[in-house]
């Protein structure tokens, strides 16, 4: 891009959220000017990588999204290798949202966003952002696809749930603002998701194009309010998702045909008019994963990929078939579906983000891999102290209508523990292991086996489950046959026969299916410090301090008693 238009495009990098100085802009410009058309196409793609090395491909890609669950040694070494091998420094992204799939074994097992929201303290949300950023950098990452700023309006959403800061837009804004501040001051780019806002639909954009069904006045007072303030405060990137907002189209044309209403990841109206125009976002827009059903259901992928960039997105997340996707973008330019002007604007913002993260300066200092100082933050004592503070403030006693608590080992010596496996974001399951922490408090605990146990043998029944919101599944409700081990036993309820209580180490909405349970606790996360703290609170050694960030009664009168 030459001449006046080029100068104007580089000038935007002096503004919020890039704030580049002349030296950084000079690096962006010289890098951009030296690029071929093919290299520019590579710079608008962030691929997923299950491997720990950059695959040798004819065209260098802009960056890679990877899991944080590999060993720190592997991640650090591969990050350094990938940066050194790249002609242009790469973006290395992760989801540092502290769900089961995003906790490194040597890192700090922080509770998730909803657990942090239950603390009702923005200072803790800022600490969460700091921990996520420091441990990102310790593992070689420079970009986190957090925080989630979706609003939990629909408790049946299978994918928002504990990933969000709750159902109150003002609380979501307070917490997200503190989180972004904590993350970005540590030198990691935050990314708001999922534009234009999830939490209304009870379906999942991994499967279909889901819908935000709000009218625009309500949207501007909730989702719009959240995005607008965080944009003004300098969030660096936003993820445009496979979620539509029909009201925005019909605000201008009440008869706008539904079949032409597109999701954020493909919508010029939502990206360029609403997000950039009305809300004033100048940072980088990346699509959510382009391999999702909610994206590819909108047409032929060959047409969709160039459409995403032309509609205002600056990066595509993931390739499905490397050769075919690159060819689709090249063909899109040749056929006029993607203008070189729009491609250049996208590339300049991508390079601007890299410069804002000082990746070019790290290269000059030979700091492609994390430094020893950065690595020392992984699981450090300060982060562990913040974790314990957060855990103790988050666990929420929703109700104790039978005045069961605190539990005494003398009165409730024998406990029957009915526990499900901890079920994570990718459907992975592991033993919950809550019995160990109960035994540490002096209780005699037997883990339920439908072939061996009846409730009459025990003094107390505890139901304990850990259901995270799970992609590509229908819901986060409990599979009672799986929990109880048998279709007939799945219908058993002991609430009228023996003292019983329920602890959720995941979704906060299980009273919907257990309304007759008179003592109910939301712990939000199944990391070990949370399980230990719950056992201590049940025994009366610590107090419950958490405040409901959502309506755990699911709007039902029957669940309150």
Protein backbone atom coordinates (compact mmCIF):
# COMPACT_ATOMS: atom_id res chain seq x y z
CA UNK A 1 0.00 0.00 0.00
CA UNK A 2 1.61 3.20 -1.16
CA UNK A 3 0.98 6.92 -1.03
CA UNK A 4 -1.61 8.74 1.06
CA UNK A 5 -3.72 5.67 1.85
CA UNK A 6 -0.66 3.84 3.14
CA UNK A 7 0.35 6.74 5.35
CA UNK A 8 -3.16 6.95 6.78
CA UNK A 9 -3.19 3.24 7.58
CA UNK A 10 0.11 3.36 9.45
CA UNK A 11 -1.07 6.42 11.39
CA UNK A 12 -3.82 4.36 13.05
CA UNK A 13 -1.06 2.47 14.88
CA UNK A 14 -0.33 5.58 16.95
CA UNK A 15 -3.84 5.40 18.36
CA UNK A 16 -5.62 3.24 20.95
CA UNK A 17 -4.96 0.34 21.47
CA UNK A 18 -1.56 0.13 19.71
CA UNK A 19 0.04 3.41 20.84
CA UNK A 20 3.15 2.72 18.74
CA UNK A 21 6.07 5.14 18.72
CA UNK A 22 7.90 6.17 15.55
CA UNK A 23 10.48 3.39 15.82
CA UNK A 24 7.80 0.71 16.12
CA UNK A 25 5.83 2.18 13.21
CA UNK A 26 9.03 2.24 11.16
CA UNK A 27 9.45 -1.50 11.82
CA UNK A 28 5.85 -2.18 10.78
CA UNK A 29 6.25 -0.12 7.61
CA UNK A 30 9.57 -1.63 6.56
CA UNK A 31 8.28 -5.14 7.23
CA UNK A 32 5.07 -4.46 5.33
CA UNK A 33 6.80 -2.85 2.36
CA UNK A 34 9.06 -5.88 1.93
CA UNK A 35 6.19 -8.39 1.83
CA UNK A 36 4.85 -10.13 -1.24
CA UNK A 37 1.14 -10.66 -1.75
CA UNK A 38 1.51 -14.29 -0.68
CA UNK A 39 3.35 -13.31 2.49
CA UNK A 40 0.55 -10.91 3.35
CA UNK A 41 -1.93 -13.77 3.07
CA UNK A 42 0.19 -15.78 5.50
CA UNK A 43 0.06 -12.91 7.99
CA UNK A 44 -3.72 -13.03 8.29
CA UNK A 45 -3.80 -16.68 9.40
CA UNK A 46 -3.43 -17.99 12.94
CA UNK A 47 -3.35 -21.76 12.73
CA UNK A 48 -3.94 -24.34 15.40
CA UNK A 49 -1.05 -26.61 16.26
CA UNK A 50 -1.22 -29.82 18.25
CA UNK A 51 2.46 -30.27 17.54
CA UNK A 52 5.17 -28.26 19.25
CA UNK A 53 7.04 -27.25 16.13
CA UNK A 54 6.17 -25.00 13.24
CA UNK A 55 5.38 -27.25 10.30
CA UNK A 56 7.53 -26.53 7.26
CA UNK A 57 5.16 -24.99 4.76
CA UNK A 58 5.74 -23.00 1.59
CA UNK A 59 4.03 -19.97 3.12
CA UNK A 60 4.87 -18.70 6.61
CA UNK A 61 1.80 -18.17 8.79
CA UNK A 62 1.36 -15.35 11.27
CA UNK A 63 1.09 -17.47 14.37
CA UNK A 64 -0.18 -20.54 16.17
CA UNK A 65 -2.74 -21.36 18.82
CA UNK A 66 -1.63 -24.15 21.15
CA UNK A 67 -2.63 -25.93 24.34
CA UNK A 68 -0.87 -25.03 27.58
CA UNK A 69 -0.95 -28.58 28.90
CA UNK A 70 2.36 -29.70 27.39
CA UNK A 71 5.35 -29.67 29.71
CA UNK A 72 6.84 -26.20 30.36
CA UNK A 73 10.19 -27.39 29.01
CA UNK A 74 8.61 -28.45 25.71
CA UNK A 75 6.57 -25.26 25.34
CA UNK A 76 9.51 -22.97 26.14
CA UNK A 77 11.87 -24.76 23.75
CA UNK A 78 9.35 -24.89 20.93
CA UNK A 79 8.34 -21.23 21.36
CA UNK A 80 11.97 -20.20 20.97
CA UNK A 81 12.38 -22.45 17.95
CA UNK A 82 9.24 -21.16 16.28
CA UNK A 83 10.25 -17.53 16.80
CA UNK A 84 13.77 -18.10 15.49
CA UNK A 85 12.57 -19.99 12.42
CA UNK A 86 10.06 -17.32 11.42
CA UNK A 87 10.95 -14.46 9.11
CA UNK A 88 8.48 -12.26 11.01
CA UNK A 89 7.96 -12.80 14.77
CA UNK A 90 4.94 -15.01 15.41
CA UNK A 91 1.87 -14.63 17.59
CA UNK A 92 1.55 -17.59 19.96
CA UNK A 93 -1.91 -17.71 21.48
CA UNK A 94 -3.59 -19.77 24.19
CA UNK A 95 -6.86 -19.88 26.13
CA UNK A 96 -5.70 -18.95 29.63
CA UNK A 97 -9.17 -19.19 31.16
CA UNK A 98 -8.27 -21.75 33.83
CA UNK A 99 -10.66 -24.47 32.76
CA UNK A 100 -9.48 -28.07 32.92
CA UNK A 101 -7.86 -27.87 29.48
CA UNK A 102 -5.99 -24.65 30.21
CA UNK A 103 -4.08 -25.33 33.42
CA UNK A 104 -0.45 -26.28 33.11
CA UNK A 105 0.66 -29.01 35.53
CA UNK A 106 3.38 -26.77 36.95
CA UNK A 107 1.36 -23.57 36.79
CA UNK A 108 -1.18 -22.00 39.13
CA UNK A 109 -4.56 -23.82 39.03
CA UNK A 110 -6.61 -20.64 39.37
CA UNK A 111 -10.38 -20.92 39.54
CA UNK A 112 -12.36 -19.92 36.45
CA UNK A 113 -14.04 -16.62 35.58
CA UNK A 114 -17.32 -17.41 37.33
CA UNK A 115 -15.47 -18.40 40.48
CA UNK A 116 -13.63 -15.08 40.35
CA UNK A 117 -16.91 -13.25 39.81
CA UNK A 118 -18.30 -14.92 42.96
CA UNK A 119 -15.60 -13.10 44.93
CA UNK A 120 -17.26 -9.84 43.85
CA UNK A 121 -13.90 -8.06 43.94
CA UNK A 122 -12.34 -6.51 40.82
CA UNK A 123 -8.92 -6.65 42.52
CA UNK A 124 -9.11 -10.44 42.33
CA UNK A 125 -10.10 -10.30 38.65
CA UNK A 126 -7.02 -8.14 38.05
CA UNK A 127 -4.87 -10.71 39.83
CA UNK A 128 -6.39 -13.41 37.65
CA UNK A 129 -5.38 -11.40 34.57
CA UNK A 130 -1.86 -10.92 35.94
CA UNK A 131 -1.45 -14.63 36.70
CA UNK A 132 -2.77 -15.60 33.26
CA UNK A 133 -0.42 -13.15 31.53
CA UNK A 134 2.70 -14.01 33.50
CA UNK A 135 2.18 -17.72 33.06
CA UNK A 136 1.40 -17.19 29.36
CA UNK A 137 4.77 -15.51 28.95
CA UNK A 138 6.50 -18.15 31.08
CA UNK A 139 5.35 -20.77 28.57
CA UNK A 140 6.18 -18.74 25.47
CA UNK A 141 2.74 -17.30 24.67
CA UNK A 142 2.05 -13.64 23.94
CA UNK A 143 -1.71 -13.55 23.29
CA UNK A 144 -4.57 -14.97 25.36
CA UNK A 145 -8.07 -15.46 24.04
CA UNK A 146 -9.51 -14.14 27.28
CA UNK A 147 -11.52 -12.76 28.94
CA UNK A 148 -14.93 -14.10 27.98
CA UNK A 149 -17.34 -11.16 28.17
CA UNK A 150 -20.45 -13.13 27.30
CA UNK A 151 -23.38 -12.60 29.66
CA UNK A 152 -25.15 -15.58 31.23
CA UNK A 153 -28.72 -14.58 30.40
CA UNK A 154 -29.76 -18.11 29.43
CA UNK A 155 -28.82 -20.67 32.06
CA UNK A 156 -29.30 -23.42 29.48
CA UNK A 157 -26.41 -22.19 27.34
CA UNK A 158 -24.08 -25.18 26.98
CA UNK A 159 -21.00 -23.09 26.25
CA UNK A 160 -21.08 -19.85 28.31
CA UNK A 161 -21.75 -21.01 31.87
CA UNK A 162 -18.62 -20.91 34.13
CA UNK A 163 -16.53 -19.32 31.38
CA UNK A 164 -18.24 -15.97 31.96
CA UNK A 165 -18.25 -13.45 34.82
CA UNK A 166 -21.99 -13.98 35.32
CA UNK A 167 -25.39 -12.65 34.33
CA UNK A 168 -25.09 -9.01 35.45
CA UNK A 169 -23.64 -6.79 32.69
CA UNK A 170 -22.24 -4.33 35.21
CA UNK A 171 -20.40 -7.08 37.08
CA UNK A 172 -19.14 -8.58 33.82
CA UNK A 173 -17.81 -5.13 32.90
CA UNK A 174 -16.14 -4.50 36.29
CA UNK A 175 -14.46 -7.88 36.31
CA UNK A 176 -13.43 -7.87 32.65
CA UNK A 177 -12.04 -4.34 32.94
CA UNK A 178 -9.83 -5.36 35.86
CA UNK A 179 -8.80 -8.59 34.11
CA UNK A 180 -7.76 -6.82 30.89
CA UNK A 181 -5.85 -4.22 32.88
CA UNK A 182 -3.95 -6.94 34.74
CA UNK A 183 -3.18 -8.96 31.62
CA UNK A 184 -2.10 -6.18 29.28
CA UNK A 185 0.10 -4.36 31.76
CA UNK A 186 2.12 -7.60 31.90
CA UNK A 187 2.68 -7.44 28.14
CA UNK A 188 0.19 -10.04 26.88
CA UNK A 189 -2.62 -9.11 24.49
CA UNK A 190 -6.13 -9.73 25.82
CA UNK A 191 -8.96 -10.73 23.49
CA UNK A 192 -12.64 -10.12 24.24
CA UNK A 193 -14.98 -12.86 23.09
CA UNK A 194 -17.47 -13.74 21.67
CA UNK A 195 -18.57 -10.75 19.56
CA UNK A 196 -21.40 -9.72 19.24
CA UNK A 197 -22.21 -11.57 22.47
CA UNK A 198 -23.11 -15.10 23.53
CA UNK A 199 -25.40 -16.12 26.36
CA UNK A 200 -28.87 -15.62 24.88
CA UNK A 201 -29.10 -18.79 22.78
CA UNK A 202 -29.22 -22.25 24.32
CA UNK A 203 -27.28 -23.63 21.37
CA UNK A 204 -23.56 -23.68 20.65
CA UNK A 205 -21.79 -21.88 17.80
CA UNK A 206 -19.44 -24.86 17.52
CA UNK A 207 -22.45 -26.65 16.02
CA UNK A 208 -24.59 -23.94 14.40
CA UNK A 209 -24.70 -20.21 13.82
CA UNK A 210 -26.23 -19.16 17.12
CA UNK A 211 -28.28 -16.03 17.68
CA UNK A 212 -28.17 -13.07 20.03
CA UNK A 213 -31.89 -12.27 20.02
CA UNK A 214 -31.76 -8.96 21.95
CA UNK A 215 -33.32 -5.78 20.62
CA UNK A 216 -30.73 -3.07 20.03
CA UNK A 217 -31.67 -0.86 22.97
CA UNK A 218 -31.20 -3.79 25.34
CA UNK A 219 -28.01 -4.85 23.53
CA UNK A 220 -26.46 -1.38 23.77
CA UNK A 221 -27.24 -1.30 27.50
CA UNK A 222 -25.62 -4.68 28.11
CA UNK A 223 -23.22 -6.26 25.63
CA UNK A 224 -22.63 -2.96 23.85
CA UNK A 225 -21.89 -1.18 27.11
CA UNK A 226 -19.34 -3.81 28.05
CA UNK A 227 -17.54 -3.73 24.71
CA UNK A 228 -17.60 0.06 24.42
CA UNK A 229 -15.91 0.68 27.77
CA UNK A 230 -13.31 -2.04 27.31
CA UNK A 231 -12.51 -0.68 23.87
CA UNK A 232 -12.03 2.78 25.34
CA UNK A 233 -9.76 1.26 28.01
CA UNK A 234 -7.50 -0.22 25.34
CA UNK A 235 -8.23 -3.91 24.86
CA UNK A 236 -6.01 -5.03 22.00
CA UNK A 237 -8.14 -7.62 20.21
CA UNK A 238 -11.67 -8.92 19.82
CA UNK A 239 -12.83 -12.32 18.58
CA UNK A 240 -15.69 -12.09 16.09
CA UNK A 241 -17.77 -15.19 16.52
CA UNK A 242 -20.26 -17.29 14.61
CA UNK A 243 -23.12 -15.49 16.37
CA UNK A 244 -25.64 -13.25 14.64
CA UNK A 245 -27.43 -10.13 15.89
CA UNK A 246 -30.58 -9.81 13.76
CA UNK A 247 -31.78 -6.66 15.52
CA UNK A 248 -28.85 -4.64 14.16
CA UNK A 249 -29.76 -5.46 10.58
CA UNK A 250 -33.45 -4.79 11.16
CA UNK A 251 -32.84 -1.55 13.00
CA UNK A 252 -31.96 -0.12 9.58
CA UNK A 253 -34.32 -2.26 7.52
CA UNK A 254 -37.24 -3.92 9.38
CA UNK A 255 -37.79 -6.19 6.38
CA UNK A 256 -34.20 -7.35 6.08
CA UNK A 257 -34.40 -11.03 5.00
CA UNK A 258 -33.29 -13.46 7.67
CA UNK A 259 -31.37 -15.63 5.22
CA UNK A 260 -29.00 -12.71 4.57
CA UNK A 261 -28.26 -12.04 8.25
CA UNK A 262 -24.67 -13.13 8.87
CA UNK A 263 -22.72 -13.94 12.05
CA UNK A 264 -19.97 -11.66 13.33
CA UNK A 265 -17.23 -13.67 11.66
CA UNK A 266 -18.71 -12.89 8.23
CA UNK A 267 -20.59 -9.63 8.74
CA UNK A 268 -19.45 -6.26 7.41
CA UNK A 269 -22.35 -4.70 9.30
CA UNK A 270 -21.28 -6.10 12.67
CA UNK A 271 -17.52 -5.66 12.24
CA UNK A 272 -17.09 -2.47 10.28
CA UNK A 273 -20.28 -0.57 11.06
CA UNK A 274 -21.09 -1.56 14.64
CA UNK A 275 -17.74 -2.60 16.14
CA UNK A 276 -15.39 -0.22 14.34
CA UNK A 277 -17.86 2.55 13.48
CA UNK A 278 -20.25 2.91 16.40
CA UNK A 279 -18.05 1.50 19.17
CA UNK A 280 -14.77 2.88 17.79
CA UNK A 281 -12.62 -0.25 17.96
CA UNK A 282 -9.26 0.24 16.26
CA UNK A 283 -7.57 -2.97 17.41
CA UNK A 284 -7.26 -6.39 15.80
CA UNK A 285 -10.33 -8.48 14.98
CA UNK A 286 -9.86 -12.24 14.68
CA UNK A 287 -12.53 -14.75 13.73
CA UNK A 288 -13.41 -17.53 16.09
CA UNK A 289 -12.23 -20.91 14.81
CA UNK A 290 -13.11 -21.21 11.13
CA UNK A 291 -13.47 -24.97 11.47
CA UNK A 292 -16.66 -24.64 13.54
CA UNK A 293 -20.08 -25.66 12.32
CA UNK A 294 -21.43 -22.18 12.97
CA UNK A 295 -18.99 -20.81 10.40
CA UNK A 296 -19.00 -23.37 7.61
CA UNK A 297 -22.80 -23.77 7.69
CA UNK A 298 -23.04 -20.35 6.02
CA UNK A 299 -21.77 -21.46 2.63
CA UNK A 300 -18.84 -22.81 0.67
CA UNK A 301 -15.60 -22.39 2.60
CA UNK A 302 -13.88 -21.17 -0.55
CA UNK A 303 -16.25 -18.17 -0.48
CA UNK A 304 -16.36 -17.69 3.29
CA UNK A 305 -12.64 -17.23 3.95
CA UNK A 306 -12.13 -14.14 1.76
CA UNK A 307 -15.53 -12.85 2.93
CA UNK A 308 -14.36 -12.83 6.56
CA UNK A 309 -11.42 -10.56 5.77
CA UNK A 310 -13.40 -8.34 3.41
CA UNK A 311 -16.09 -7.98 6.11
CA UNK A 312 -13.59 -6.47 8.55
CA UNK A 313 -11.85 -9.35 10.30
CA UNK A 314 -8.06 -9.03 10.29
CA UNK A 315 -7.15 -12.65 11.00
CA UNK A 316 -8.62 -16.07 10.33
CA UNK A 317 -8.35 -18.57 13.14
CA UNK A 318 -7.29 -22.06 11.97
CA UNK A 319 -6.94 -23.61 8.56
CA UNK A 320 -8.93 -26.70 7.69
CA UNK A 321 -6.87 -27.74 4.69
CA UNK A 322 -3.71 -25.69 4.28
CA UNK A 323 -3.43 -25.79 0.48
CA UNK A 324 -7.15 -25.32 -0.15
CA UNK A 325 -7.54 -22.44 2.32
CA UNK A 326 -4.52 -20.54 0.95
CA UNK A 327 -5.83 -21.08 -2.56
CA UNK A 328 -9.27 -19.77 -1.53
CA UNK A 329 -7.73 -16.51 -0.29
CA UNK A 330 -5.59 -16.11 -3.42
CA UNK A 331 -8.60 -16.80 -5.62
CA UNK A 332 -10.63 -14.35 -3.56
CA UNK A 333 -8.17 -11.59 -4.37
CA UNK A 334 -7.95 -12.53 -8.06
CA UNK A 335 -11.74 -12.69 -8.36
CA UNK A 336 -12.32 -9.40 -6.52
CA UNK A 337 -14.02 -10.91 -3.49
CA UNK A 338 -11.19 -9.72 -1.24
CA UNK A 339 -9.67 -6.36 -2.08
CA UNK A 340 -5.96 -5.75 -1.69
CA UNK A 341 -6.87 -2.60 0.25
CA UNK A 342 -8.73 -4.63 2.86
CA UNK A 343 -5.94 -7.22 2.95
CA UNK A 344 -3.36 -4.49 3.52
CA UNK A 345 -5.40 -2.96 6.35
CA UNK A 346 -5.60 -6.36 8.03
CA UNK A 347 -1.86 -7.02 7.68
CA UNK A 348 -0.98 -3.60 9.10
CA UNK A 349 -3.08 -4.30 12.19
CA UNK A 350 -1.50 -7.74 12.60
CA UNK A 351 1.99 -6.24 12.41
CA UNK A 352 0.82 -3.45 14.71
CA UNK A 353 -0.19 -5.97 17.36
CA UNK A 354 3.17 -7.71 17.06
CA UNK A 355 4.94 -4.38 17.49
CA UNK A 356 2.73 -3.41 20.44
CA UNK A 357 3.82 -6.65 22.11
CA UNK A 358 7.47 -5.71 21.37
CA UNK A 359 8.08 -8.95 19.48
CA UNK A 360 10.47 -7.21 17.08
CA UNK A 361 12.47 -5.84 20.03
CA UNK A 362 12.64 -9.27 21.66
CA UNK A 363 14.14 -10.56 18.45
CA UNK A 364 16.73 -7.79 18.49
CA UNK A 365 17.66 -8.81 22.05
CA UNK A 366 17.75 -12.53 21.11
CA UNK A 367 14.85 -13.19 23.48
CA UNK A 368 12.77 -15.42 21.24
CA UNK A 369 12.24 -17.88 24.11
CA UNK A 370 10.96 -16.87 27.56
CA UNK A 371 13.67 -15.46 29.80
CA UNK A 372 14.58 -17.08 33.12
CA UNK A 373 12.84 -14.20 34.91
CA UNK A 374 9.64 -14.83 32.95
CA UNK A 375 9.80 -18.59 33.52
CA UNK A 376 10.18 -18.08 37.27
CA UNK A 377 6.60 -16.79 37.48
CA UNK A 378 5.12 -20.19 36.57
CA UNK A 379 3.39 -21.47 39.72
CA UNK A 380 5.30 -18.98 41.90
CA UNK A 381 4.49 -18.45 45.59
CA UNK A 382 2.81 -15.09 44.97
CA UNK A 383 0.41 -16.66 42.47
CA UNK A 384 -0.30 -19.50 44.90
CA UNK A 385 -1.20 -17.00 47.64
CA UNK A 386 -3.57 -15.21 45.27
CA UNK A 387 -5.09 -18.54 44.30
CA UNK A 388 -5.89 -19.48 47.91
CA UNK A 389 -7.34 -16.03 48.59
CA UNK A 390 -9.56 -16.37 45.53
CA UNK A 391 -10.70 -19.89 46.36
CA UNK A 392 -11.78 -18.96 49.89
CA UNK A 393 -13.74 -15.94 48.69
CA UNK A 394 -15.43 -17.70 45.78
CA UNK A 395 -17.15 -20.82 47.16
CA UNK A 396 -20.84 -20.03 47.57
CA UNK A 397 -23.41 -21.51 49.94
CA UNK A 398 -26.54 -21.13 47.82
CA UNK A 399 -28.94 -22.52 50.41
CA UNK A 400 -29.09 -24.59 53.58
CA UNK A 401 -32.82 -24.78 54.22
CA UNK A 402 -32.42 -27.81 56.51
CA UNK A 403 -29.75 -26.15 58.70
CA UNK A 404 -27.39 -29.04 58.01
CA UNK A 405 -24.12 -27.10 58.17
CA UNK A 406 -21.56 -27.23 59.60
CA UNK A 407 -21.12 -30.99 59.52
CA UNK A 408 -19.71 -32.79 62.52
CA UNK A 409 -17.82 -36.09 62.04
CA UNK A 410 -19.43 -37.26 65.28
CA UNK A 411 -22.96 -36.77 63.98
CA UNK A 412 -22.32 -37.62 60.34
CA UNK A 413 -19.55 -40.16 60.68
CA UNK A 414 -20.43 -42.31 57.67
CA UNK A 415 -20.84 -40.47 54.40
CA UNK A 416 -21.99 -41.93 51.09
CA UNK A 417 -20.35 -39.88 48.36
CA UNK A 418 -22.08 -40.00 44.98
CA UNK A 419 -19.61 -38.26 42.68
CA UNK A 420 -19.38 -37.91 38.96
CA UNK A 421 -16.14 -37.67 37.08
CA UNK A 422 -14.75 -34.22 36.38
CA UNK A 423 -15.87 -33.53 32.83
CA UNK A 424 -13.87 -30.95 30.92
CA UNK A 425 -14.19 -28.72 27.89
CA UNK A 426 -13.04 -31.38 25.44
CA UNK A 427 -15.04 -34.19 27.00
CA UNK A 428 -12.02 -35.47 28.87
CA UNK A 429 -12.88 -37.10 32.17
CA UNK A 430 -10.92 -37.73 35.33
CA UNK A 431 -11.78 -38.92 38.79
CA UNK A 432 -13.11 -36.12 40.98
CA UNK A 433 -11.39 -37.44 44.10
CA UNK A 434 -13.38 -35.42 46.62
CA UNK A 435 -13.38 -38.30 49.11
CA UNK A 436 -9.75 -37.66 50.11
CA UNK A 437 -10.53 -34.15 51.30
CA UNK A 438 -13.58 -35.30 53.27
CA UNK A 439 -11.53 -38.00 54.98
CA UNK A 440 -8.94 -35.39 55.92
CA UNK A 441 -11.71 -33.70 57.92
CA UNK A 442 -12.36 -36.86 59.94
CA UNK A 443 -15.30 -38.33 58.03
CA UNK A 444 -15.62 -41.97 57.05
CA UNK A 445 -16.41 -41.90 53.33
CA UNK A 446 -17.44 -44.55 50.88
CA UNK A 447 -17.72 -43.74 47.19
CA UNK A 448 -21.07 -44.91 45.83
CA UNK A 449 -21.34 -48.13 43.86
CA UNK A 450 -24.91 -49.03 42.93
CA UNK A 451 -24.09 -52.74 43.29
CA UNK A 452 -22.83 -52.37 46.86
CA UNK A 453 -24.48 -49.45 48.64
CA UNK A 454 -27.87 -48.28 49.85
CA UNK A 455 -28.39 -44.94 51.54
CA UNK A 456 -29.85 -46.54 54.68
CA UNK A 457 -26.36 -47.65 55.74
CA UNK A 458 -25.12 -44.06 56.03
CA UNK A 459 -25.59 -40.88 58.07
CA UNK A 460 -25.29 -38.48 55.15
CA UNK A 461 -25.35 -38.45 51.35
CA UNK A 462 -23.23 -35.99 49.39
CA UNK A 463 -23.72 -35.50 45.67
CA UNK A 464 -20.61 -34.00 44.09
CA UNK A 465 -20.27 -33.29 40.37
CA UNK A 466 -17.89 -31.31 38.17
CA UNK A 467 -19.46 -30.40 34.83
CA UNK A 468 -17.72 -27.69 32.85
CA UNK A 469 -19.43 -26.14 29.87
CA UNK A 470 -18.54 -28.48 27.06
CA UNK A 471 -18.17 -27.63 23.37
CA UNK A 472 -20.16 -29.61 20.81
CA UNK A 473 -22.36 -31.12 23.52
CA UNK A 474 -26.00 -30.26 24.00
CA UNK A 475 -25.95 -29.15 27.63
CA UNK A 476 -24.15 -29.17 30.97
CA UNK A 477 -26.84 -31.10 32.82
CA UNK A 478 -26.03 -34.29 34.69
CA UNK A 479 -26.35 -37.69 33.07
CA UNK A 480 -28.05 -39.45 35.97
CA UNK A 481 -27.51 -42.93 34.56
CA UNK A 482 -23.80 -42.23 34.32
CA UNK A 483 -23.73 -40.72 37.83
CA UNK A 484 -25.72 -43.51 39.50
CA UNK A 485 -24.42 -46.41 37.39
CA UNK A 486 -27.76 -47.93 36.46
CA UNK A 487 -31.01 -46.80 34.83
CA UNK A 488 -33.13 -47.83 37.81
CA UNK A 489 -30.79 -46.30 40.37
CA UNK A 490 -30.73 -43.11 38.30
CA UNK A 491 -34.23 -42.40 39.60
CA UNK A 492 -33.22 -42.68 43.26
CA UNK A 493 -33.36 -39.54 45.38
CA UNK A 494 -32.61 -39.63 49.10
CA UNK A 495 -33.68 -36.15 50.14
CA UNK A 496 -36.69 -37.35 52.17
CA UNK A 497 -34.93 -40.31 53.77
CA UNK A 498 -31.51 -39.18 54.87
CA UNK A 499 -29.71 -35.82 55.20
CA UNK A 500 -28.31 -34.92 51.78
CA UNK A 501 -26.39 -32.09 50.20
CA UNK A 502 -25.11 -31.19 46.75
CA UNK A 503 -21.77 -29.65 45.78
CA UNK A 504 -21.16 -28.48 42.22
CA UNK A 505 -17.53 -28.13 41.21
CA UNK A 506 -18.61 -26.77 37.82
CA UNK A 507 -21.90 -25.51 36.42
CA UNK A 508 -23.83 -23.42 38.98
CA UNK A 509 -27.24 -24.47 37.68
CA UNK A 510 -27.78 -28.02 38.96
CA UNK A 511 -30.67 -27.02 41.23
CA UNK A 512 -32.68 -27.08 38.02
CA UNK A 513 -32.53 -30.89 38.22
CA UNK A 514 -32.18 -31.17 42.02
CA UNK A 515 -34.81 -28.71 43.31
CA UNK A 516 -35.62 -30.85 46.35
CA UNK A 517 -32.05 -30.79 47.64
CA UNK A 518 -32.18 -28.43 50.61
CA UNK A 519 -28.44 -27.80 51.00
CA UNK A 520 -26.59 -26.72 47.87
CA UNK A 521 -23.09 -25.30 47.27
CA UNK A 522 -21.48 -23.86 44.14
CA UNK A 523 -17.70 -24.15 44.01
CA UNK A 524 -17.38 -23.47 40.23
CA UNK A 525 -14.06 -25.31 39.74
CA UNK A 526 -12.63 -28.75 40.50
CA UNK A 527 -8.98 -27.79 41.01
CA UNK A 528 -7.47 -29.31 44.16
CA UNK A 529 -7.41 -26.11 46.30
CA UNK A 530 -11.14 -25.69 45.70
CA UNK A 531 -11.95 -29.26 46.74
CA UNK A 532 -9.85 -28.92 49.88
CA UNK A 533 -11.51 -25.62 50.82
CA UNK A 534 -15.03 -27.02 50.28
CA UNK A 535 -14.32 -29.91 52.67
CA UNK A 536 -13.01 -27.47 55.29
CA UNK A 537 -16.10 -25.28 54.89
CA UNK A 538 -18.43 -28.26 55.22
CA UNK A 539 -16.69 -29.10 58.49
CA UNK A 540 -17.05 -25.51 59.71
CA UNK A 541 -13.34 -24.73 59.70
CA UNK A 542 -13.78 -21.98 57.11
CA UNK A 543 -16.72 -19.80 56.21
CA UNK A 544 -18.55 -19.50 52.91
CA UNK A 545 -17.93 -16.06 51.41
CA UNK A 546 -18.98 -16.32 47.76
CA UNK A 547 -21.81 -14.27 46.25
CA UNK A 548 -23.97 -15.67 43.47
CA UNK A 549 -22.77 -14.24 40.11
CA UNK A 550 -25.83 -15.80 38.44
CA UNK A 551 -29.27 -16.97 39.52
CA UNK A 552 -28.56 -20.52 40.72
CA UNK A 553 -32.29 -21.04 41.25
CA UNK A 554 -32.81 -20.81 37.48
CA UNK A 555 -35.84 -18.55 37.92
CA UNK A 556 -37.84 -21.31 39.60
CA UNK A 557 -39.72 -21.01 42.88
CA UNK A 558 -39.33 -24.73 43.57
CA UNK A 559 -35.53 -24.56 43.80
CA UNK A 560 -35.45 -22.04 46.66
CA UNK A 561 -36.76 -24.22 49.49
